[in-house]
């Protein structure tokens, strides 16, 4: 996995060996048949690829084919700009309603968890 800033987006891109497990973990095979998860864009969007090799961004909530948006994914050799504030962390909504239509006051309901803490807490 590699992560960092690319233009205006913070990307988490899975290694080729992680794609099948990520696709299964996020249930994308059922939600978007024929797609695999390549990674995350700014934590709120999946980066997915269809069987034709076209890349898209789609909100993680709700995952709906109507919301697929074409996305240019940086090539494997492209360096992402690291950011220590976010490396190894995931975005976590403290209150589920904050994930639906995030408003300015809802930002207080948002935190970033260390991946280790998120999996083992």
PDB file of N, CA and C in Angstrom:
ATOM      1  N   UNK A   1       0.847  -1.167   0.000  1.00  0.00           N
ATOM      2  CA  UNK A   1       0.000   0.000   0.000  1.00  0.00           C
ATOM      3  C   UNK A   1       0.896   1.234   0.000  1.00  0.00           C
ATOM      4  N   UNK A   2       0.457   2.234  -0.727  1.00  0.00           N
ATOM      5  CA  UNK A   2       1.158   3.519  -0.684  1.00  0.00           C
ATOM      6  C   UNK A   2       0.109   4.606  -0.519  1.00  0.00           C
ATOM      7  N   UNK A   3       0.501   5.668   0.158  1.00  0.00           N
ATOM      8  CA  UNK A   3      -0.450   6.735   0.421  1.00  0.00           C
ATOM      9  C   UNK A   3       0.231   8.085   0.441  1.00  0.00           C
ATOM     10  N   UNK A   4      -0.568   9.119   0.167  1.00  0.00           N
ATOM     11  CA  UNK A   4      -0.053  10.479   0.178  1.00  0.00           C
ATOM     12  C   UNK A   4      -0.899  11.368  -0.716  1.00  0.00           C
ATOM     13  N   UNK A   5      -0.498  12.616  -0.810  1.00  0.00           N
ATOM     14  CA  UNK A   5      -1.223  13.606  -1.605  1.00  0.00           C
ATOM     15  C   UNK A   5      -0.874  13.472  -3.082  1.00  0.00           C
ATOM     16  N   UNK A   6      -1.889  13.561  -3.904  1.00  0.00           N
ATOM     17  CA  UNK A   6      -1.741  13.651  -5.357  1.00  0.00           C
ATOM     18  C   UNK A   6      -2.692  14.750  -5.804  1.00  0.00           C
ATOM     19  N   UNK A   7      -2.138  15.873  -6.219  1.00  0.00           N
ATOM     20  CA  UNK A   7      -2.933  17.070  -6.514  1.00  0.00           C
ATOM     21  C   UNK A   7      -3.700  17.460  -5.243  1.00  0.00           C
ATOM     22  N   UNK A   8      -5.006  17.548  -5.319  1.00  0.00           N
ATOM     23  CA  UNK A   8      -5.822  17.994  -4.183  1.00  0.00           C
ATOM     24  C   UNK A   8      -6.356  16.849  -3.321  1.00  0.00           C
ATOM     25  N   UNK A   9      -6.048  15.612  -3.683  1.00  0.00           N
ATOM     26  CA  UNK A   9      -6.623  14.450  -2.998  1.00  0.00           C
ATOM     27  C   UNK A   9      -5.568  13.677  -2.226  1.00  0.00           C
ATOM     28  N   UNK A  10      -5.965  13.187  -1.046  1.00  0.00           N
ATOM     29  CA  UNK A  10      -5.130  12.249  -0.299  1.00  0.00           C
ATOM     30  C   UNK A  10      -5.547  10.856  -0.754  1.00  0.00           C
ATOM     31  N   UNK A  11      -4.598  10.109  -1.300  1.00  0.00           N
ATOM     32  CA  UNK A  11      -4.899   8.790  -1.843  1.00  0.00           C
ATOM     33  C   UNK A  11      -4.266   7.694  -1.005  1.00  0.00           C
ATOM     34  N   UNK A  12      -4.997   6.597  -0.884  1.00  0.00           N
ATOM     35  CA  UNK A  12      -4.477   5.348  -0.346  1.00  0.00           C
ATOM     36  C   UNK A  12      -4.647   4.348  -1.477  1.00  0.00           C
ATOM     37  N   UNK A  13      -3.538   3.889  -2.041  1.00  0.00           N
ATOM     38  CA  UNK A  13      -3.581   2.956  -3.164  1.00  0.00           C
ATOM     39  C   UNK A  13      -3.048   1.606  -2.722  1.00  0.00           C
ATOM     40  N   UNK A  14      -3.878   0.578  -2.879  1.00  0.00           N
ATOM     41  CA  UNK A  14      -3.496  -0.763  -2.467  1.00  0.00           C
ATOM     42  C   UNK A  14      -2.535  -1.374  -3.477  1.00  0.00           C
ATOM     43  N   UNK A  15      -1.643  -2.235  -2.986  1.00  0.00           N
ATOM     44  CA  UNK A  15      -0.767  -2.997  -3.862  1.00  0.00           C
ATOM     45  C   UNK A  15      -1.619  -4.018  -4.618  1.00  0.00           C
ATOM     46  N   UNK A  16      -1.115  -4.448  -5.749  1.00  0.00           N
ATOM     47  CA  UNK A  16      -1.835  -5.430  -6.574  1.00  0.00           C
ATOM     48  C   UNK A  16      -2.234  -6.657  -5.754  1.00  0.00           C
ATOM     49  N   UNK A  17      -1.363  -7.091  -4.859  1.00  0.00           N
ATOM     50  CA  UNK A  17      -1.627  -8.278  -4.037  1.00  0.00           C
ATOM     51  C   UNK A  17      -2.745  -8.049  -3.010  1.00  0.00           C
ATOM     52  N   UNK A  18      -3.124  -6.802  -2.765  1.00  0.00           N
ATOM     53  CA  UNK A  18      -4.158  -6.481  -1.769  1.00  0.00           C
ATOM     54  C   UNK A  18      -5.540  -6.252  -2.381  1.00  0.00           C
ATOM     55  N   UNK A  19      -5.627  -6.156  -3.712  1.00  0.00           N
ATOM     56  CA  UNK A  19      -6.874  -5.756  -4.362  1.00  0.00           C
ATOM     57  C   UNK A  19      -8.034  -6.722  -4.095  1.00  0.00           C
ATOM     58  N   UNK A  20      -7.795  -8.019  -4.210  1.00  0.00           N
ATOM     59  CA  UNK A  20      -8.873  -8.996  -4.016  1.00  0.00           C
ATOM     60  C   UNK A  20      -9.407  -8.934  -2.590  1.00  0.00           C
ATOM     61  N   UNK A  21      -8.508  -8.864  -1.613  1.00  0.00           N
ATOM     62  CA  UNK A  21      -8.942  -8.813  -0.215  1.00  0.00           C
ATOM     63  C   UNK A  21      -9.713  -7.521   0.078  1.00  0.00           C
ATOM     64  N   UNK A  22      -9.243  -6.385  -0.461  1.00  0.00           N
ATOM     65  CA  UNK A  22      -9.929  -5.108  -0.238  1.00  0.00           C
ATOM     66  C   UNK A  22     -11.300  -5.116  -0.891  1.00  0.00           C
ATOM     67  N   UNK A  23     -11.394  -5.676  -2.087  1.00  0.00           N
ATOM     68  CA  UNK A  23     -12.668  -5.747  -2.792  1.00  0.00           C
ATOM     69  C   UNK A  23     -13.668  -6.578  -1.991  1.00  0.00           C
ATOM     70  N   UNK A  24     -13.203  -7.675  -1.419  1.00  0.00           N
ATOM     71  CA  UNK A  24     -14.071  -8.523  -0.593  1.00  0.00           C
ATOM     72  C   UNK A  24     -14.423  -7.838   0.728  1.00  0.00           C
ATOM     73  N   UNK A  25     -13.442  -7.245   1.379  1.00  0.00           N
ATOM     74  CA  UNK A  25     -13.647  -6.598   2.677  1.00  0.00           C
ATOM     75  C   UNK A  25     -14.702  -5.498   2.599  1.00  0.00           C
ATOM     76  N   UNK A  26     -14.692  -4.725   1.512  1.00  0.00           N
ATOM     77  CA  UNK A  26     -15.641  -3.623   1.354  1.00  0.00           C
ATOM     78  C   UNK A  26     -16.901  -4.037   0.600  1.00  0.00           C
ATOM     79  N   UNK A  27     -17.032  -5.329   0.265  1.00  0.00           N
ATOM     80  CA  UNK A  27     -18.237  -5.879  -0.376  1.00  0.00           C
ATOM     81  C   UNK A  27     -18.517  -5.246  -1.738  1.00  0.00           C
ATOM     82  N   UNK A  28     -17.473  -4.783  -2.401  1.00  0.00           N
ATOM     83  CA  UNK A  28     -17.634  -4.106  -3.690  1.00  0.00           C
ATOM     84  C   UNK A  28     -18.095  -5.069  -4.783  1.00  0.00           C
ATOM     85  N   UNK A  29     -17.721  -6.330  -4.704  1.00  0.00           N
ATOM     86  CA  UNK A  29     -18.159  -7.298  -5.712  1.00  0.00           C
ATOM     87  C   UNK A  29     -19.678  -7.378  -5.788  1.00  0.00           C
ATOM     88  N   UNK A  30     -20.329  -7.258  -4.659  1.00  0.00           N
ATOM     89  CA  UNK A  30     -21.793  -7.292  -4.625  1.00  0.00           C
ATOM     90  C   UNK A  30     -22.387  -5.940  -5.003  1.00  0.00           C
ATOM     91  N   UNK A  31     -21.788  -4.870  -4.509  1.00  0.00           N
ATOM     92  CA  UNK A  31     -22.331  -3.530  -4.726  1.00  0.00           C
ATOM     93  C   UNK A  31     -22.058  -3.000  -6.130  1.00  0.00           C
ATOM     94  N   UNK A  32     -20.893  -3.345  -6.674  1.00  0.00           N
ATOM     95  CA  UNK A  32     -20.499  -2.922  -8.020  1.00  0.00           C
ATOM     96  C   UNK A  32     -19.932  -4.140  -8.759  1.00  0.00           C
ATOM     97  N   UNK A  33     -20.805  -5.022  -9.235  1.00  0.00           N
ATOM     98  CA  UNK A  33     -20.315  -6.241  -9.901  1.00  0.00           C
ATOM     99  C   UNK A  33     -19.344  -5.914 -11.035  1.00  0.00           C
ATOM    100  N   UNK A  34     -18.244  -6.671 -11.069  1.00  0.00           N
ATOM    101  CA  UNK A  34     -17.245  -6.480 -12.116  1.00  0.00           C
ATOM    102  C   UNK A  34     -16.184  -5.445 -11.782  1.00  0.00           C
ATOM    103  N   UNK A  35     -16.265  -4.823 -10.625  1.00  0.00           N
ATOM    104  CA  UNK A  35     -15.293  -3.811 -10.212  1.00  0.00           C
ATOM    105  C   UNK A  35     -14.386  -4.368  -9.125  1.00  0.00           C
ATOM    106  N   UNK A  36     -13.175  -3.824  -9.038  1.00  0.00           N
ATOM    107  CA  UNK A  36     -12.256  -4.108  -7.935  1.00  0.00           C
ATOM    108  C   UNK A  36     -11.870  -2.780  -7.280  1.00  0.00           C
ATOM    109  N   UNK A  37     -11.575  -2.824  -6.008  1.00  0.00           N
ATOM    110  CA  UNK A  37     -11.152  -1.637  -5.265  1.00  0.00           C
ATOM    111  C   UNK A  37      -9.655  -1.454  -5.457  1.00  0.00           C
ATOM    112  N   UNK A  38      -9.264  -0.260  -5.920  1.00  0.00           N
ATOM    113  CA  UNK A  38      -7.850   0.082  -6.057  1.00  0.00           C
ATOM    114  C   UNK A  38      -7.338   0.829  -4.841  1.00  0.00           C
ATOM    115  N   UNK A  39      -8.257   1.542  -4.143  1.00  0.00           N
ATOM    116  CA  UNK A  39      -7.848   2.322  -2.987  1.00  0.00           C
ATOM    117  C   UNK A  39      -8.934   3.262  -2.529  1.00  0.00           C
ATOM    118  N   UNK A  40      -8.508   4.301  -1.826  1.00  0.00           N
ATOM    119  CA  UNK A  40      -9.413   5.315  -1.282  1.00  0.00           C
ATOM    120  C   UNK A  40      -8.958   6.693  -1.732  1.00  0.00           C
ATOM    121  N   UNK A  41      -9.916   7.563  -1.989  1.00  0.00           N
ATOM    122  CA  UNK A  41      -9.634   8.961  -2.343  1.00  0.00           C
ATOM    123  C   UNK A  41     -10.243   9.842  -1.264  1.00  0.00           C
ATOM    124  N   UNK A  42      -9.392  10.549  -0.556  1.00  0.00           N
ATOM    125  CA  UNK A  42      -9.843  11.449   0.514  1.00  0.00           C
ATOM    126  C   UNK A  42     -10.770  10.748   1.508  1.00  0.00           C
ATOM    127  N   UNK A  43     -10.569   9.463   1.727  1.00  0.00           N
ATOM    128  CA  UNK A  43     -11.251   8.619   2.707  1.00  0.00           C
ATOM    129  C   UNK A  43     -12.735   8.423   2.451  1.00  0.00           C
ATOM    130  N   UNK A  44     -13.400   9.331   1.779  1.00  0.00           N
ATOM    131  CA  UNK A  44     -14.849   9.215   1.578  1.00  0.00           C
ATOM    132  C   UNK A  44     -15.230   8.599   0.242  1.00  0.00           C
ATOM    133  N   UNK A  45     -14.244   8.247  -0.568  1.00  0.00           N
ATOM    134  CA  UNK A  45     -14.507   7.702  -1.899  1.00  0.00           C
ATOM    135  C   UNK A  45     -13.644   6.469  -2.145  1.00  0.00           C
ATOM    136  N   UNK A  46     -14.239   5.444  -2.733  1.00  0.00           N
ATOM    137  CA  UNK A  46     -13.464   4.319  -3.224  1.00  0.00           C
ATOM    138  C   UNK A  46     -12.893   4.695  -4.586  1.00  0.00           C
ATOM    139  N   UNK A  47     -11.719   4.180  -4.880  1.00  0.00           N
ATOM    140  CA  UNK A  47     -11.172   4.216  -6.235  1.00  0.00           C
ATOM    141  C   UNK A  47     -11.366   2.801  -6.752  1.00  0.00           C
ATOM    142  N   UNK A  48     -12.112   2.665  -7.841  1.00  0.00           N
ATOM    143  CA  UNK A  48     -12.444   1.345  -8.368  1.00  0.00           C
ATOM    144  C   UNK A  48     -12.074   1.254  -9.844  1.00  0.00           C
ATOM    145  N   UNK A  49     -11.916   0.005 -10.313  1.00  0.00           N
ATOM    146  CA  UNK A  49     -11.600  -0.258 -11.720  1.00  0.00           C
ATOM    147  C   UNK A  49     -12.574  -1.305 -12.234  1.00  0.00           C
ATOM    148  N   UNK A  50     -13.111  -1.073 -13.428  1.00  0.00           N
ATOM    149  CA  UNK A  50     -14.013  -2.064 -14.016  1.00  0.00           C
ATOM    150  C   UNK A  50     -13.217  -3.077 -14.836  1.00  0.00           C
ATOM    151  N   UNK A  51     -13.927  -4.067 -15.399  1.00  0.00           N
ATOM    152  CA  UNK A  51     -13.278  -5.135 -16.153  1.00  0.00           C
ATOM    153  C   UNK A  51     -12.578  -4.623 -17.410  1.00  0.00           C
ATOM    154  N   UNK A  52     -12.987  -3.451 -17.910  1.00  0.00           N
ATOM    155  CA  UNK A  52     -12.356  -2.855 -19.098  1.00  0.00           C
ATOM    156  C   UNK A  52     -11.110  -2.050 -18.753  1.00  0.00           C
ATOM    157  N   UNK A  53     -10.781  -1.948 -17.455  1.00  0.00           N
ATOM    158  CA  UNK A  53      -9.599  -1.209 -17.026  1.00  0.00           C
ATOM    159  C   UNK A  53      -9.826   0.275 -16.813  1.00  0.00           C
ATOM    160  N   UNK A  54     -11.087   0.714 -16.831  1.00  0.00           N
ATOM    161  CA  UNK A  54     -11.404   2.126 -16.594  1.00  0.00           C
ATOM    162  C   UNK A  54     -11.519   2.375 -15.096  1.00  0.00           C
ATOM    163  N   UNK A  55     -10.952   3.487 -14.646  1.00  0.00           N
ATOM    164  CA  UNK A  55     -10.932   3.830 -13.223  1.00  0.00           C
ATOM    165  C   UNK A  55     -12.001   4.867 -12.896  1.00  0.00           C
ATOM    166  N   UNK A  56     -12.571   4.706 -11.705  1.00  0.00           N
ATOM    167  CA  UNK A  56     -13.634   5.596 -11.254  1.00  0.00           C
ATOM    168  C   UNK A  56     -13.471   5.888  -9.774  1.00  0.00           C
ATOM    169  N   UNK A  57     -14.128   6.940  -9.357  1.00  0.00           N
ATOM    170  CA  UNK A  57     -14.289   7.280  -7.943  1.00  0.00           C
ATOM    171  C   UNK A  57     -15.774   7.130  -7.643  1.00  0.00           C
ATOM    172  N   UNK A  58     -16.092   6.605  -6.471  1.00  0.00           N
ATOM    173  CA  UNK A  58     -17.488   6.445  -6.070  1.00  0.00           C
ATOM    174  C   UNK A  58     -17.559   6.657  -4.555  1.00  0.00           C
ATOM    175  N   UNK A  59     -18.563   7.402  -4.070  1.00  0.00           N
ATOM    176  CA  UNK A  59     -18.672   7.600  -2.623  1.00  0.00           C
ATOM    177  C   UNK A  59     -18.752   6.266  -1.884  1.00  0.00           C
ATOM    178  N   UNK A  60     -18.142   6.204  -0.720  1.00  0.00           N
ATOM    179  CA  UNK A  60     -18.207   4.982   0.087  1.00  0.00           C
ATOM    180  C   UNK A  60     -19.579   4.807   0.724  1.00  0.00           C
ATOM    181  N   UNK A  61     -20.330   5.876   0.802  1.00  0.00           N
ATOM    182  CA  UNK A  61     -21.669   5.816   1.387  1.00  0.00           C
ATOM    183  C   UNK A  61     -22.573   6.788   0.652  1.00  0.00           C
ATOM    184  N   UNK A  62     -23.520   6.352  -0.107  1.00  0.00           N
ATOM    185  CA  UNK A  62     -23.782   4.961  -0.469  1.00  0.00           C
ATOM    186  C   UNK A  62     -22.954   4.568  -1.686  1.00  0.00           C
ATOM    187  N   UNK A  63     -22.602   3.287  -1.762  1.00  0.00           N
ATOM    188  CA  UNK A  63     -21.931   2.773  -2.954  1.00  0.00           C
ATOM    189  C   UNK A  63     -23.033   2.500  -3.967  1.00  0.00           C
ATOM    190  N   UNK A  64     -23.041   3.284  -5.030  1.00  0.00           N
ATOM    191  CA  UNK A  64     -24.110   3.203  -6.017  1.00  0.00           C
ATOM    192  C   UNK A  64     -23.510   3.467  -7.399  1.00  0.00           C
ATOM    193  N   UNK A  65     -23.757   2.576  -8.372  1.00  0.00           N
ATOM    194  CA  UNK A  65     -23.186   2.773  -9.707  1.00  0.00           C
ATOM    195  C   UNK A  65     -23.574   4.105 -10.343  1.00  0.00           C
ATOM    196  N   UNK A  66     -24.678   4.689  -9.923  1.00  0.00           N
ATOM    197  CA  UNK A  66     -25.100   5.985 -10.465  1.00  0.00           C
ATOM    198  C   UNK A  66     -24.127   7.096 -10.096  1.00  0.00           C
ATOM    199  N   UNK A  67     -23.313   6.872  -9.070  1.00  0.00           N
ATOM    200  CA  UNK A  67     -22.396   7.904  -8.583  1.00  0.00           C
ATOM    201  C   UNK A  67     -20.954   7.694  -9.057  1.00  0.00           C
ATOM    202  N   UNK A  68     -20.742   6.756  -9.984  1.00  0.00           N
ATOM    203  CA  UNK A  68     -19.397   6.548 -10.518  1.00  0.00           C
ATOM    204  C   UNK A  68     -18.949   7.780 -11.296  1.00  0.00           C
ATOM    205  N   UNK A  69     -17.732   8.220 -11.024  1.00  0.00           N
ATOM    206  CA  UNK A  69     -17.173   9.387 -11.704  1.00  0.00           C
ATOM    207  C   UNK A  69     -15.788   9.013 -12.240  1.00  0.00           C
ATOM    208  N   UNK A  70     -15.524   9.199 -13.537  1.00  0.00           N
ATOM    209  CA  UNK A  70     -14.210   8.838 -14.086  1.00  0.00           C
ATOM    210  C   UNK A  70     -13.076   9.502 -13.289  1.00  0.00           C
ATOM    211  N   UNK A  71     -12.000   8.750 -13.106  1.00  0.00           N
ATOM    212  CA  UNK A  71     -10.876   9.237 -12.311  1.00  0.00           C
ATOM    213  C   UNK A  71      -9.568   8.795 -12.945  1.00  0.00           C
ATOM    214  N   UNK A  72      -8.635   9.704 -13.030  1.00  0.00           N
ATOM    215  CA  UNK A  72      -7.293   9.387 -13.488  1.00  0.00           C
ATOM    216  C   UNK A  72      -6.470   8.981 -12.265  1.00  0.00           C
ATOM    217  N   UNK A  73      -6.017   7.746 -12.251  1.00  0.00           N
ATOM    218  CA  UNK A  73      -5.234   7.227 -11.129  1.00  0.00           C
ATOM    219  C   UNK A  73      -3.751   7.340 -11.481  1.00  0.00           C
ATOM    220  N   UNK A  74      -2.939   7.861 -10.561  1.00  0.00           N
ATOM    221  CA  UNK A  74      -1.505   7.983 -10.859  1.00  0.00           C
ATOM    222  C   UNK A  74      -0.875   6.617 -11.138  1.00  0.00           C
ATOM    223  N   UNK A  75       0.047   6.593 -12.071  1.00  0.00           N
ATOM    224  CA  UNK A  75       0.747   5.355 -12.417  1.00  0.00           C
ATOM    225  C   UNK A  75       1.507   4.827 -11.209  1.00  0.00           C
ATOM    226  N   UNK A  76       1.783   3.539 -11.215  1.00  0.00           N
ATOM    227  CA  UNK A  76       2.470   2.895 -10.084  1.00  0.00           C
ATOM    228  C   UNK A  76       3.767   3.606  -9.690  1.00  0.00           C
ATOM    229  N   UNK A  77       4.510   4.126 -10.640  1.00  0.00           N
ATOM    230  CA  UNK A  77       5.781   4.773 -10.330  1.00  0.00           C
ATOM    231  C   UNK A  77       5.663   6.207  -9.844  1.00  0.00           C
ATOM    232  N   UNK A  78       4.459   6.776  -9.911  1.00  0.00           N
ATOM    233  CA  UNK A  78       4.261   8.170  -9.508  1.00  0.00           C
ATOM    234  C   UNK A  78       4.356   8.297  -7.991  1.00  0.00           C
ATOM    235  N   UNK A  79       5.193   9.218  -7.546  1.00  0.00           N
ATOM    236  CA  UNK A  79       5.355   9.434  -6.108  1.00  0.00           C
ATOM    237  C   UNK A  79       4.178  10.234  -5.563  1.00  0.00           C
ATOM    238  N   UNK A  80       3.682   9.804  -4.430  1.00  0.00           N
ATOM    239  CA  UNK A  80       2.653  10.548  -3.712  1.00  0.00           C
ATOM    240  C   UNK A  80       3.354  11.349  -2.619  1.00  0.00           C
ATOM    241  N   UNK A  81       2.856  12.548  -2.355  1.00  0.00           N
ATOM    242  CA  UNK A  81       3.463  13.417  -1.345  1.00  0.00           C
ATOM    243  C   UNK A  81       3.042  12.946   0.044  1.00  0.00           C
ATOM    244  N   UNK A  82       3.963  12.388   0.841  1.00  0.00           N
ATOM    245  CA  UNK A  82       3.594  11.887   2.167  1.00  0.00           C
ATOM    246  C   UNK A  82       3.139  13.011   3.103  1.00  0.00           C
ATOM    247  N   UNK A  83       2.313  12.658   4.050  1.00  0.00           N
ATOM    248  CA  UNK A  83       1.818  13.611   5.057  1.00  0.00           C
ATOM    249  C   UNK A  83       1.702  12.866   6.382  1.00  0.00           C
ATOM    250  N   UNK A  84       2.622  13.135   7.282  1.00  0.00           N
ATOM    251  CA  UNK A  84       2.678  12.443   8.564  1.00  0.00           C
ATOM    252  C   UNK A  84       1.418  12.556   9.403  1.00  0.00           C
ATOM    253  N   UNK A  85       0.621  13.590   9.161  1.00  0.00           N
ATOM    254  CA  UNK A  85      -0.634  13.738   9.925  1.00  0.00           C
ATOM    255  C   UNK A  85      -1.624  12.623   9.610  1.00  0.00           C
ATOM    256  N   UNK A  86      -1.537  12.051   8.407  1.00  0.00           N
ATOM    257  CA  UNK A  86      -2.535  11.087   7.977  1.00  0.00           C
ATOM    258  C   UNK A  86      -1.976   9.693   7.698  1.00  0.00           C
ATOM    259  N   UNK A  87      -0.683   9.541   7.623  1.00  0.00           N
ATOM    260  CA  UNK A  87      -0.080   8.250   7.275  1.00  0.00           C
ATOM    261  C   UNK A  87      -0.512   7.165   8.256  1.00  0.00           C
ATOM    262  N   UNK A  88      -1.012   6.060   7.705  1.00  0.00           N
ATOM    263  CA  UNK A  88      -1.421   4.930   8.534  1.00  0.00           C
ATOM    264  C   UNK A  88      -2.692   5.162   9.325  1.00  0.00           C
ATOM    265  N   UNK A  89      -3.484   6.155   8.933  1.00  0.00           N
ATOM    266  CA  UNK A  89      -4.708   6.463   9.672  1.00  0.00           C
ATOM    267  C   UNK A  89      -5.918   6.374   8.755  1.00  0.00           C
ATOM    268  N   UNK A  90      -7.052   6.158   9.386  1.00  0.00           N
ATOM    269  CA  UNK A  90      -8.308   6.153   8.659  1.00  0.00           C
ATOM    270  C   UNK A  90      -9.213   7.221   9.245  1.00  0.00           C
ATOM    271  N   UNK A  91     -10.115   7.713   8.420  1.00  0.00           N
ATOM    272  CA  UNK A  91     -11.097   8.702   8.870  1.00  0.00           C
ATOM    273  C   UNK A  91     -12.232   7.943   9.537  1.00  0.00           C
ATOM    274  N   UNK A  92     -12.669   8.425  10.686  1.00  0.00           N
ATOM    275  CA  UNK A  92     -13.714   7.748  11.436  1.00  0.00           C
ATOM    276  C   UNK A  92     -14.742   8.771  11.890  1.00  0.00           C
ATOM    277  N   UNK A  93     -15.987   8.512  11.547  1.00  0.00           N
ATOM    278  CA  UNK A  93     -17.073   9.383  12.001  1.00  0.00           C
ATOM    279  C   UNK A  93     -17.538   8.916  13.363  1.00  0.00           C
ATOM    280  N   UNK A  94     -17.502   9.803  14.339  1.00  0.00           N
ATOM    281  CA  UNK A  94     -17.892   9.445  15.693  1.00  0.00           C
ATOM    282  C   UNK A  94     -19.397   9.268  15.819  1.00  0.00           C
ATOM    283  N   UNK A  95     -20.154   9.936  14.979  1.00  0.00           N
ATOM    284  CA  UNK A  95     -21.608   9.792  14.945  1.00  0.00           C
ATOM    285  C   UNK A  95     -21.988   9.493  13.501  1.00  0.00           C
ATOM    286  N   UNK A  96     -22.719   8.402  13.262  1.00  0.00           N
ATOM    287  CA  UNK A  96     -23.022   7.997  11.882  1.00  0.00           C
ATOM    288  C   UNK A  96     -23.687   9.074  11.032  1.00  0.00           C
ATOM    289  N   UNK A  97     -24.534   9.912  11.599  1.00  0.00           N
ATOM    290  CA  UNK A  97     -25.213  10.925  10.810  1.00  0.00           C
ATOM    291  C   UNK A  97     -24.227  11.908  10.186  1.00  0.00           C
ATOM    292  N   UNK A  98     -23.060  12.038  10.781  1.00  0.00           N
ATOM    293  CA  UNK A  98     -22.067  12.968  10.240  1.00  0.00           C
ATOM    294  C   UNK A  98     -21.615  12.530   8.847  1.00  0.00           C
ATOM    295  N   UNK A  99     -21.704  11.240   8.555  1.00  0.00           N
ATOM    296  CA  UNK A  99     -21.268  10.743   7.256  1.00  0.00           C
ATOM    297  C   UNK A  99     -22.246  11.112   6.147  1.00  0.00           C
ATOM    298  N   UNK A 100     -23.457  11.419   6.498  1.00  0.00           N
ATOM    299  CA  UNK A 100     -24.466  11.755   5.498  1.00  0.00           C
ATOM    300  C   UNK A 100     -24.624  13.260   5.439  1.00  0.00           C
ATOM    301  N   UNK A 101     -24.050  13.876   4.426  1.00  0.00           N
ATOM    302  CA  UNK A 101     -24.172  15.322   4.273  1.00  0.00           C
ATOM    303  C   UNK A 101     -23.395  16.072   5.334  1.00  0.00           C
ATOM    304  N   UNK A 102     -22.099  15.861   5.377  1.00  0.00           N
ATOM    305  CA  UNK A 102     -21.236  16.486   6.375  1.00  0.00           C
ATOM    306  C   UNK A 102     -21.388  18.004   6.373  1.00  0.00           C
ATOM    307  N   UNK A 103     -21.752  18.571   7.487  1.00  0.00           N
ATOM    308  CA  UNK A 103     -21.913  20.007   7.642  1.00  0.00           C
ATOM    309  C   UNK A 103     -20.756  20.538   8.472  1.00  0.00           C
ATOM    310  N   UNK A 104     -20.572  21.841   8.438  1.00  0.00           N
ATOM    311  CA  UNK A 104     -19.453  22.457   9.154  1.00  0.00           C
ATOM    312  C   UNK A 104     -19.435  22.063  10.630  1.00  0.00           C
ATOM    313  N   UNK A 105     -20.569  22.106  11.296  1.00  0.00           N
ATOM    314  CA  UNK A 105     -20.581  21.767  12.730  1.00  0.00           C
ATOM    315  C   UNK A 105     -20.323  20.284  12.972  1.00  0.00           C
ATOM    316  N   UNK A 106     -20.521  19.469  11.936  1.00  0.00           N
ATOM    317  CA  UNK A 106     -20.288  18.034  12.075  1.00  0.00           C
ATOM    318  C   UNK A 106     -18.805  17.690  12.091  1.00  0.00           C
ATOM    319  N   UNK A 107     -17.962  18.630  11.705  1.00  0.00           N
ATOM    320  CA  UNK A 107     -16.527  18.350  11.696  1.00  0.00           C
ATOM    321  C   UNK A 107     -16.024  17.938  13.068  1.00  0.00           C
ATOM    322  N   UNK A 108     -16.688  18.398  14.123  1.00  0.00           N
ATOM    323  CA  UNK A 108     -16.294  18.016  15.472  1.00  0.00           C
ATOM    324  C   UNK A 108     -16.547  16.530  15.712  1.00  0.00           C
ATOM    325  N   UNK A 109     -17.344  15.910  14.871  1.00  0.00           N
ATOM    326  CA  UNK A 109     -17.659  14.490  15.012  1.00  0.00           C
ATOM    327  C   UNK A 109     -16.718  13.615  14.201  1.00  0.00           C
ATOM    328  N   UNK A 110     -15.649  14.184  13.723  1.00  0.00           N
ATOM    329  CA  UNK A 110     -14.734  13.492  12.837  1.00  0.00           C
ATOM    330  C   UNK A 110     -13.374  13.370  13.509  1.00  0.00           C
ATOM    331  N   UNK A 111     -12.744  12.210  13.364  1.00  0.00           N
ATOM    332  CA  UNK A 111     -11.402  12.021  13.895  1.00  0.00           C
ATOM    333  C   UNK A 111     -10.632  11.092  12.967  1.00  0.00           C
ATOM    334  N   UNK A 112      -9.335  11.018  13.135  1.00  0.00           N
ATOM    335  CA  UNK A 112      -8.505  10.094  12.376  1.00  0.00           C
ATOM    336  C   UNK A 112      -7.901   9.112  13.365  1.00  0.00           C
ATOM    337  N   UNK A 113      -8.107   7.817  13.104  1.00  0.00           N
ATOM    338  CA  UNK A 113      -7.606   6.772  13.967  1.00  0.00           C
ATOM    339  C   UNK A 113      -6.397   6.105  13.336  1.00  0.00           C
ATOM    340  N   UNK A 114      -5.474   5.697  14.176  1.00  0.00           N
ATOM    341  CA  UNK A 114      -4.371   4.887  13.735  1.00  0.00           C
ATOM    342  C   UNK A 114      -4.947   3.569  13.224  1.00  0.00           C
ATOM    343  N   UNK A 115      -4.464   3.066  12.111  1.00  0.00           N
ATOM    344  CA  UNK A 115      -5.011   1.830  11.545  1.00  0.00           C
ATOM    345  C   UNK A 115      -4.933   0.699  12.554  1.00  0.00           C
ATOM    346  N   UNK A 116      -3.870   0.576  13.309  1.00  0.00           N
ATOM    347  CA  UNK A 116      -3.744  -0.472  14.324  1.00  0.00           C
ATOM    348  C   UNK A 116      -4.886  -0.358  15.325  1.00  0.00           C
ATOM    349  N   UNK A 117      -5.166   0.847  15.818  1.00  0.00           N
ATOM    350  CA  UNK A 117      -6.241   1.056  16.777  1.00  0.00           C
ATOM    351  C   UNK A 117      -7.587   0.701  16.172  1.00  0.00           C
ATOM    352  N   UNK A 118      -7.804   1.054  14.928  1.00  0.00           N
ATOM    353  CA  UNK A 118      -9.084   0.806  14.269  1.00  0.00           C
ATOM    354  C   UNK A 118      -9.366  -0.689  14.140  1.00  0.00           C
ATOM    355  N   UNK A 119      -8.331  -1.491  13.883  1.00  0.00           N
ATOM    356  CA  UNK A 119      -8.522  -2.922  13.702  1.00  0.00           C
ATOM    357  C   UNK A 119      -8.567  -3.694  15.011  1.00  0.00           C
ATOM    358  N   UNK A 120      -7.909  -3.203  16.040  1.00  0.00           N
ATOM    359  CA  UNK A 120      -7.770  -3.987  17.258  1.00  0.00           C
ATOM    360  C   UNK A 120      -8.430  -3.382  18.482  1.00  0.00           C
ATOM    361  N   UNK A 121      -9.096  -2.235  18.330  1.00  0.00           N
ATOM    362  CA  UNK A 121      -9.746  -1.619  19.480  1.00  0.00           C
ATOM    363  C   UNK A 121     -11.084  -2.255  19.765  1.00  0.00           C
TER     364      UNK A 121
END
